[in-house]
Amino acid sequence: MALIPVEPHELATIVTTLEMRKRPPLRPMPASPFRLVAWPAPDLVRYRQLFARVGGPWLWYSRLAMDDAALAAIVHDPGIAVFAVVDRAGIEVGMLELDTRDPLQTELSYFGLIPELAGKGHGRWLMAEAMARAWAPGVARVWVHTCTLDHPHALNFYRAQGFVAVKRTIETFADPRALGLLPVEAAPHIPYLADTRR
């Protein structure tokens, strides 16, 4: 057994890949005060704002680190479906992104609600909406990944929805707070070790 040092300006996480190989049985759609609104070819500024609002507490960073051309190449691709979760006042409080570029499988690329909505059952509604869209004709696999930086209940939530864990990997990357992609105050439950005076 070995401990692997991680530089102060970096983070390390264990990523778990989960999958479904069979469409789950149809169930009634859970009631929700929210709507899922399609964002075809989303405005990049608006997309990044929602991405940071939903994912910032868990240090989601990948889409924030991309330049406009790289981000547009993904989220404007016709095989990528981006949705905003919108409340009754029209405020965006969550996001769902599906990667359907492979006709045989769908990835839940991003799935999340703002932290204030956690633990209130809204995730089950969003997952039902995701499954209704992910299992298109011909799809044989729906998959997602989560990591130890995510919400502490994320892994068990996915398993409770019928996903099965199939792979674990270790990922290290520059702390997005050290890069200025997220404020130093983001994710206070994950200690910030980088020296901000340098």
C-alpha atoms as a PDB file:
ATOM      1  CA  MET A   1       0.000   0.000   0.000  1.00  0.00           C
ATOM      2  CA  ALA A   2       1.410   3.378  -0.952  1.00  0.00           C
ATOM      3  CA  LEU A   3       0.458   6.986  -0.432  1.00  0.00           C
ATOM      4  CA  ILE A   4       1.009   9.065  -3.557  1.00  0.00           C
ATOM      5  CA  PRO A   5       1.803  12.715  -2.859  1.00  0.00           C
ATOM      6  CA  VAL A   6      -0.260  15.380  -4.589  1.00  0.00           C
ATOM      7  CA  GLU A   7       1.173  18.844  -5.155  1.00  0.00           C
ATOM      8  CA  PRO A   8      -0.520  21.643  -3.164  1.00  0.00           C
ATOM      9  CA  HIS A   9      -1.864  23.263  -6.349  1.00  0.00           C
ATOM     10  CA  GLU A  10      -3.366  19.975  -7.557  1.00  0.00           C
ATOM     11  CA  LEU A  11      -6.288  17.778  -6.584  1.00  0.00           C
ATOM     12  CA  ALA A  12      -6.744  14.031  -6.776  1.00  0.00           C
ATOM     13  CA  THR A  13      -9.994  12.138  -6.957  1.00  0.00           C
ATOM     14  CA  ILE A  14     -11.257   8.608  -7.486  1.00  0.00           C
ATOM     15  CA  VAL A  15     -13.584   8.475 -10.495  1.00  0.00           C
ATOM     16  CA  THR A  16     -16.229   5.744 -10.633  1.00  0.00           C
ATOM     17  CA  THR A  17     -17.807   4.850 -13.981  1.00  0.00           C
ATOM     18  CA  LEU A  18     -21.321   3.428 -13.813  1.00  0.00           C
ATOM     19  CA  GLU A  19     -23.536   2.031 -16.528  1.00  0.00           C
ATOM     20  CA  MET A  20     -26.932   0.592 -17.401  1.00  0.00           C
ATOM     21  CA  ARG A  21     -27.165  -2.066 -20.072  1.00  0.00           C
ATOM     22  CA  LYS A  22     -30.948  -2.335 -20.037  1.00  0.00           C
ATOM     23  CA  ARG A  23     -33.612   0.327 -20.055  1.00  0.00           C
ATOM     24  CA  PRO A  24     -35.242   0.539 -16.606  1.00  0.00           C
ATOM     25  CA  PRO A  25     -38.943  -0.286 -16.301  1.00  0.00           C
ATOM     26  CA  LEU A  26     -41.266   2.606 -17.095  1.00  0.00           C
ATOM     27  CA  ARG A  27     -42.499   4.397 -14.000  1.00  0.00           C
ATOM     28  CA  PRO A  28     -44.749   7.402 -13.506  1.00  0.00           C
ATOM     29  CA  MET A  29     -42.839  10.664 -13.861  1.00  0.00           C
ATOM     30  CA  PRO A  30     -42.219  12.119 -10.385  1.00  0.00           C
ATOM     31  CA  ALA A  31     -44.015  15.387  -9.720  1.00  0.00           C
ATOM     32  CA  SER A  32     -41.808  18.462  -9.828  1.00  0.00           C
ATOM     33  CA  PRO A  33     -42.121  22.242  -9.642  1.00  0.00           C
ATOM     34  CA  PHE A  34     -39.380  22.483 -12.289  1.00  0.00           C
ATOM     35  CA  ARG A  35     -39.247  22.334 -16.086  1.00  0.00           C
ATOM     36  CA  LEU A  36     -36.516  20.958 -18.300  1.00  0.00           C
ATOM     37  CA  VAL A  37     -35.756  23.451 -21.073  1.00  0.00           C
ATOM     38  CA  ALA A  38     -33.675  22.476 -24.115  1.00  0.00           C
ATOM     39  CA  TRP A  39     -30.714  24.732 -24.875  1.00  0.00           C
ATOM     40  CA  PRO A  40     -29.779  23.959 -28.481  1.00  0.00           C
ATOM     41  CA  ALA A  41     -26.399  25.530 -29.336  1.00  0.00           C
ATOM     42  CA  PRO A  42     -26.358  27.372 -25.990  1.00  0.00           C
ATOM     43  CA  ASP A  43     -24.843  30.794 -25.513  1.00  0.00           C
ATOM     44  CA  LEU A  44     -21.376  30.078 -24.120  1.00  0.00           C
ATOM     45  CA  VAL A  45     -21.437  32.755 -21.405  1.00  0.00           C
ATOM     46  CA  ARG A  46     -24.808  31.565 -20.138  1.00  0.00           C
ATOM     47  CA  TYR A  47     -23.702  27.937 -20.327  1.00  0.00           C
ATOM     48  CA  ARG A  48     -20.551  28.610 -18.283  1.00  0.00           C
ATOM     49  CA  GLN A  49     -22.551  30.553 -15.694  1.00  0.00           C
ATOM     50  CA  LEU A  50     -24.941  27.661 -15.150  1.00  0.00           C
ATOM     51  CA  PHE A  51     -22.109  25.123 -15.219  1.00  0.00           C
ATOM     52  CA  ALA A  52     -20.264  27.055 -12.477  1.00  0.00           C
ATOM     53  CA  ARG A  53     -23.410  27.594 -10.441  1.00  0.00           C
ATOM     54  CA  VAL A  54     -24.330  23.908 -10.439  1.00  0.00           C
ATOM     55  CA  GLY A  55     -20.840  22.414 -10.423  1.00  0.00           C
ATOM     56  CA  GLY A  56     -18.698  24.995  -8.630  1.00  0.00           C
ATOM     57  CA  PRO A  57     -19.430  23.555  -5.173  1.00  0.00           C
ATOM     58  CA  TRP A  58     -18.021  20.230  -6.437  1.00  0.00           C
ATOM     59  CA  LEU A  59     -15.136  21.810  -8.363  1.00  0.00           C
ATOM     60  CA  TRP A  60     -16.460  21.017 -11.831  1.00  0.00           C
ATOM     61  CA  TYR A  61     -13.956  22.834 -13.968  1.00  0.00           C
ATOM     62  CA  SER A  62     -13.414  21.213 -17.365  1.00  0.00           C
ATOM     63  CA  ARG A  63     -15.819  23.395 -19.347  1.00  0.00           C
ATOM     64  CA  LEU A  64     -14.572  26.529 -17.564  1.00  0.00           C
ATOM     65  CA  ALA A  65     -10.999  25.809 -18.692  1.00  0.00           C
ATOM     66  CA  MET A  66     -11.908  25.554 -22.395  1.00  0.00           C
ATOM     67  CA  ASP A  67     -11.629  28.446 -24.802  1.00  0.00           C
ATOM     68  CA  ASP A  68     -14.725  29.425 -26.762  1.00  0.00           C
ATOM     69  CA  ALA A  69     -13.842  27.385 -29.844  1.00  0.00           C
ATOM     70  CA  ALA A  70     -13.259  24.176 -27.888  1.00  0.00           C
ATOM     71  CA  LEU A  71     -16.424  24.601 -25.814  1.00  0.00           C
ATOM     72  CA  ALA A  72     -18.558  25.472 -28.841  1.00  0.00           C
ATOM     73  CA  ALA A  73     -17.233  22.408 -30.688  1.00  0.00           C
ATOM     74  CA  ILE A  74     -18.795  20.291 -27.926  1.00  0.00           C
ATOM     75  CA  VAL A  75     -21.983  22.038 -26.806  1.00  0.00           C
ATOM     76  CA  HIS A  76     -22.965  23.131 -30.330  1.00  0.00           C
ATOM     77  CA  ASP A  77     -22.494  19.618 -31.718  1.00  0.00           C
ATOM     78  CA  PRO A  78     -25.903  18.202 -32.773  1.00  0.00           C
ATOM     79  CA  GLY A  79     -25.064  15.025 -30.827  1.00  0.00           C
ATOM     80  CA  ILE A  80     -24.869  16.943 -27.542  1.00  0.00           C
ATOM     81  CA  ALA A  81     -28.170  17.796 -25.846  1.00  0.00           C
ATOM     82  CA  VAL A  82     -28.005  20.520 -23.180  1.00  0.00           C
ATOM     83  CA  PHE A  83     -30.956  21.243 -20.895  1.00  0.00           C
ATOM     84  CA  ALA A  84     -31.490  23.750 -18.106  1.00  0.00           C
ATOM     85  CA  VAL A  85     -33.652  22.973 -15.096  1.00  0.00           C
ATOM     86  CA  VAL A  86     -35.851  26.039 -14.605  1.00  0.00           C
ATOM     87  CA  ASP A  87     -37.990  26.930 -11.595  1.00  0.00           C
ATOM     88  CA  ARG A  88     -41.400  28.630 -11.656  1.00  0.00           C
ATOM     89  CA  ALA A  89     -39.772  32.058 -11.631  1.00  0.00           C
ATOM     90  CA  GLY A  90     -37.711  31.175 -14.706  1.00  0.00           C
ATOM     91  CA  ILE A  91     -34.445  30.859 -12.774  1.00  0.00           C
ATOM     92  CA  GLU A  92     -32.025  28.156 -13.904  1.00  0.00           C
ATOM     93  CA  VAL A  93     -31.371  25.806 -10.970  1.00  0.00           C
ATOM     94  CA  GLY A  94     -29.838  22.746 -12.608  1.00  0.00           C
ATOM     95  CA  MET A  95     -28.510  21.207 -15.771  1.00  0.00           C
ATOM     96  CA  LEU A  96     -28.535  18.006 -17.770  1.00  0.00           C
ATOM     97  CA  GLU A  97     -26.200  17.280 -20.638  1.00  0.00           C
ATOM     98  CA  LEU A  98     -26.423  14.137 -22.754  1.00  0.00           C
ATOM     99  CA  ASP A  99     -23.774  12.969 -25.201  1.00  0.00           C
ATOM    100  CA  THR A 100     -25.514  10.973 -27.935  1.00  0.00           C
ATOM    101  CA  ARG A 101     -22.768  11.148 -30.556  1.00  0.00           C
ATOM    102  CA  ASP A 102     -22.397   7.357 -30.418  1.00  0.00           C
ATOM    103  CA  PRO A 103     -25.768   5.933 -31.562  1.00  0.00           C
ATOM    104  CA  LEU A 104     -25.238   2.821 -29.412  1.00  0.00           C
ATOM    105  CA  GLN A 105     -24.686   4.591 -26.110  1.00  0.00           C
ATOM    106  CA  THR A 106     -25.583   7.767 -24.250  1.00  0.00           C
ATOM    107  CA  GLU A 107     -23.409   9.440 -21.650  1.00  0.00           C
ATOM    108  CA  LEU A 108     -24.923  11.565 -18.909  1.00  0.00           C
ATOM    109  CA  SER A 109     -22.092  14.052 -19.274  1.00  0.00           C
ATOM    110  CA  TYR A 110     -23.403  16.476 -16.656  1.00  0.00           C
ATOM    111  CA  PHE A 111     -26.276  16.016 -14.247  1.00  0.00           C
ATOM    112  CA  GLY A 112     -26.854  18.310 -11.307  1.00  0.00           C
ATOM    113  CA  LEU A 113     -28.924  20.763  -9.330  1.00  0.00           C
ATOM    114  CA  ILE A 114     -27.811  23.715  -7.244  1.00  0.00           C
ATOM    115  CA  PRO A 115     -26.788  22.606  -3.719  1.00  0.00           C
ATOM    116  CA  GLU A 116     -29.843  24.202  -2.111  1.00  0.00           C
ATOM    117  CA  LEU A 117     -32.030  21.573  -3.808  1.00  0.00           C
ATOM    118  CA  ALA A 118     -30.035  18.536  -2.668  1.00  0.00           C
ATOM    119  CA  GLY A 119     -31.821  15.892  -0.624  1.00  0.00           C
ATOM    120  CA  LYS A 120     -35.346  17.026  -1.549  1.00  0.00           C
ATOM    121  CA  GLY A 121     -36.198  14.366  -4.126  1.00  0.00           C
ATOM    122  CA  HIS A 122     -35.696  16.584  -7.172  1.00  0.00           C
ATOM    123  CA  GLY A 123     -32.843  14.411  -8.402  1.00  0.00           C
ATOM    124  CA  ARG A 124     -35.241  11.519  -8.981  1.00  0.00           C
ATOM    125  CA  TRP A 125     -37.363  13.728 -11.232  1.00  0.00           C
ATOM    126  CA  LEU A 126     -34.314  14.912 -13.164  1.00  0.00           C
ATOM    127  CA  MET A 127     -33.083  11.330 -13.554  1.00  0.00           C
ATOM    128  CA  ALA A 128     -36.487  10.247 -14.892  1.00  0.00           C
ATOM    129  CA  GLU A 129     -36.273  13.069 -17.444  1.00  0.00           C
ATOM    130  CA  ALA A 130     -32.716  12.012 -18.307  1.00  0.00           C
ATOM    131  CA  MET A 131     -33.679   8.360 -18.780  1.00  0.00           C
ATOM    132  CA  ALA A 132     -36.616   9.272 -21.027  1.00  0.00           C
ATOM    133  CA  ARG A 133     -34.156  11.043 -23.330  1.00  0.00           C
ATOM    134  CA  ALA A 134     -31.078   8.831 -22.955  1.00  0.00           C
ATOM    135  CA  TRP A 135     -32.729   5.558 -23.964  1.00  0.00           C
ATOM    136  CA  ALA A 136     -33.326   6.434 -27.609  1.00  0.00           C
ATOM    137  CA  PRO A 137     -34.019   3.605 -30.078  1.00  0.00           C
ATOM    138  CA  GLY A 138     -30.873   1.547 -30.653  1.00  0.00           C
ATOM    139  CA  VAL A 139     -29.127   2.632 -27.456  1.00  0.00           C
ATOM    140  CA  ALA A 140     -27.642  -0.364 -25.620  1.00  0.00           C
ATOM    141  CA  ARG A 141     -25.763   1.437 -22.843  1.00  0.00           C
ATOM    142  CA  VAL A 142     -26.293   4.549 -20.740  1.00  0.00           C
ATOM    143  CA  TRP A 143     -23.369   5.580 -18.591  1.00  0.00           C
ATOM    144  CA  VAL A 144     -22.206   8.224 -16.166  1.00  0.00           C
ATOM    145  CA  HIS A 145     -19.232   8.887 -13.975  1.00  0.00           C
ATOM    146  CA  THR A 146     -18.901  10.499 -10.584  1.00  0.00           C
ATOM    147  CA  CYS A 147     -15.959  11.151  -8.318  1.00  0.00           C
ATOM    148  CA  THR A 148     -15.028  11.601  -4.689  1.00  0.00           C
ATOM    149  CA  LEU A 149     -15.147  15.397  -5.093  1.00  0.00           C
ATOM    150  CA  ASP A 150     -18.844  15.188  -6.045  1.00  0.00           C
ATOM    151  CA  HIS A 151     -21.799  15.368  -3.669  1.00  0.00           C
ATOM    152  CA  PRO A 152     -21.223  12.662  -1.017  1.00  0.00           C
ATOM    153  CA  HIS A 153     -24.483  10.923  -1.976  1.00  0.00           C
ATOM    154  CA  ALA A 154     -23.928  11.031  -5.755  1.00  0.00           C
ATOM    155  CA  LEU A 155     -22.514   7.516  -6.097  1.00  0.00           C
ATOM    156  CA  ASN A 156     -25.278   5.898  -4.054  1.00  0.00           C
ATOM    157  CA  PHE A 157     -27.896   7.974  -5.884  1.00  0.00           C
ATOM    158  CA  TYR A 158     -26.767   6.625  -9.245  1.00  0.00           C
ATOM    159  CA  ARG A 159     -26.694   3.075  -7.910  1.00  0.00           C
ATOM    160  CA  ALA A 160     -30.212   3.488  -6.505  1.00  0.00           C
ATOM    161  CA  GLN A 161     -31.384   4.540  -9.979  1.00  0.00           C
ATOM    162  CA  GLY A 162     -30.137   1.250 -11.443  1.00  0.00           C
ATOM    163  CA  PHE A 163     -26.608   2.127 -12.534  1.00  0.00           C
ATOM    164  CA  VAL A 164     -23.900  -0.460 -11.837  1.00  0.00           C
ATOM    165  CA  ALA A 165     -20.324   0.551 -11.040  1.00  0.00           C
ATOM    166  CA  VAL A 166     -17.930  -0.962 -13.588  1.00  0.00           C
ATOM    167  CA  LYS A 167     -14.622   0.903 -13.317  1.00  0.00           C
ATOM    168  CA  ARG A 168     -12.528   3.065 -10.988  1.00  0.00           C
ATOM    169  CA  THR A 169      -9.710   5.408 -11.979  1.00  0.00           C
ATOM    170  CA  ILE A 170      -7.622   8.029 -10.213  1.00  0.00           C
ATOM    171  CA  GLU A 171      -7.511  11.498 -11.715  1.00  0.00           C
ATOM    172  CA  THR A 172      -5.193  14.338 -10.743  1.00  0.00           C
ATOM    173  CA  PHE A 173      -5.540  17.856 -12.084  1.00  0.00           C
ATOM    174  CA  ALA A 174      -4.720  21.454 -11.274  1.00  0.00           C
ATOM    175  CA  ASP A 175      -7.001  22.877  -8.590  1.00  0.00           C
ATOM    176  CA  PRO A 176      -9.399  25.138 -10.535  1.00  0.00           C
ATOM    177  CA  ARG A 177      -9.295  27.605  -7.646  1.00  0.00           C
ATOM    178  CA  ALA A 178      -5.528  27.957  -8.078  1.00  0.00           C
ATOM    179  CA  LEU A 179      -6.072  28.578 -11.799  1.00  0.00           C
ATOM    180  CA  GLY A 180      -8.633  31.307 -11.115  1.00  0.00           C
ATOM    181  CA  LEU A 181     -11.442  29.324 -12.780  1.00  0.00           C
ATOM    182  CA  LEU A 182     -13.405  29.201  -9.520  1.00  0.00           C
ATOM    183  CA  PRO A 183     -13.172  31.434  -6.443  1.00  0.00           C
ATOM    184  CA  VAL A 184     -10.872  30.300  -3.646  1.00  0.00           C
ATOM    185  CA  GLU A 185     -13.985  30.077  -1.446  1.00  0.00           C
ATOM    186  CA  ALA A 186     -15.594  27.438  -3.694  1.00  0.00           C
ATOM    187  CA  ALA A 187     -15.983  23.961  -2.212  1.00  0.00           C
ATOM    188  CA  PRO A 188     -14.885  24.872   1.336  1.00  0.00           C
ATOM    189  CA  HIS A 189     -15.202  21.196   2.320  1.00  0.00           C
ATOM    190  CA  ILE A 190     -12.186  20.477   0.063  1.00  0.00           C
ATOM    191  CA  PRO A 191      -9.154  22.187   1.617  1.00  0.00           C
ATOM    192  CA  TYR A 192      -7.441  24.742  -0.587  1.00  0.00           C
ATOM    193  CA  LEU A 193      -3.690  24.196  -0.234  1.00  0.00           C
ATOM    194  CA  ALA A 194      -2.218  26.303  -3.036  1.00  0.00           C
ATOM    195  CA  ASP A 195      -0.350  29.404  -1.891  1.00  0.00           C
ATOM    196  CA  THR A 196      -2.389  32.295  -3.328  1.00  0.00           C
ATOM    197  CA  ARG A 197       0.422  34.787  -2.584  1.00  0.00           C
ATOM    198  CA  ARG A 198       2.619  33.393  -5.385  1.00  0.00           C
END
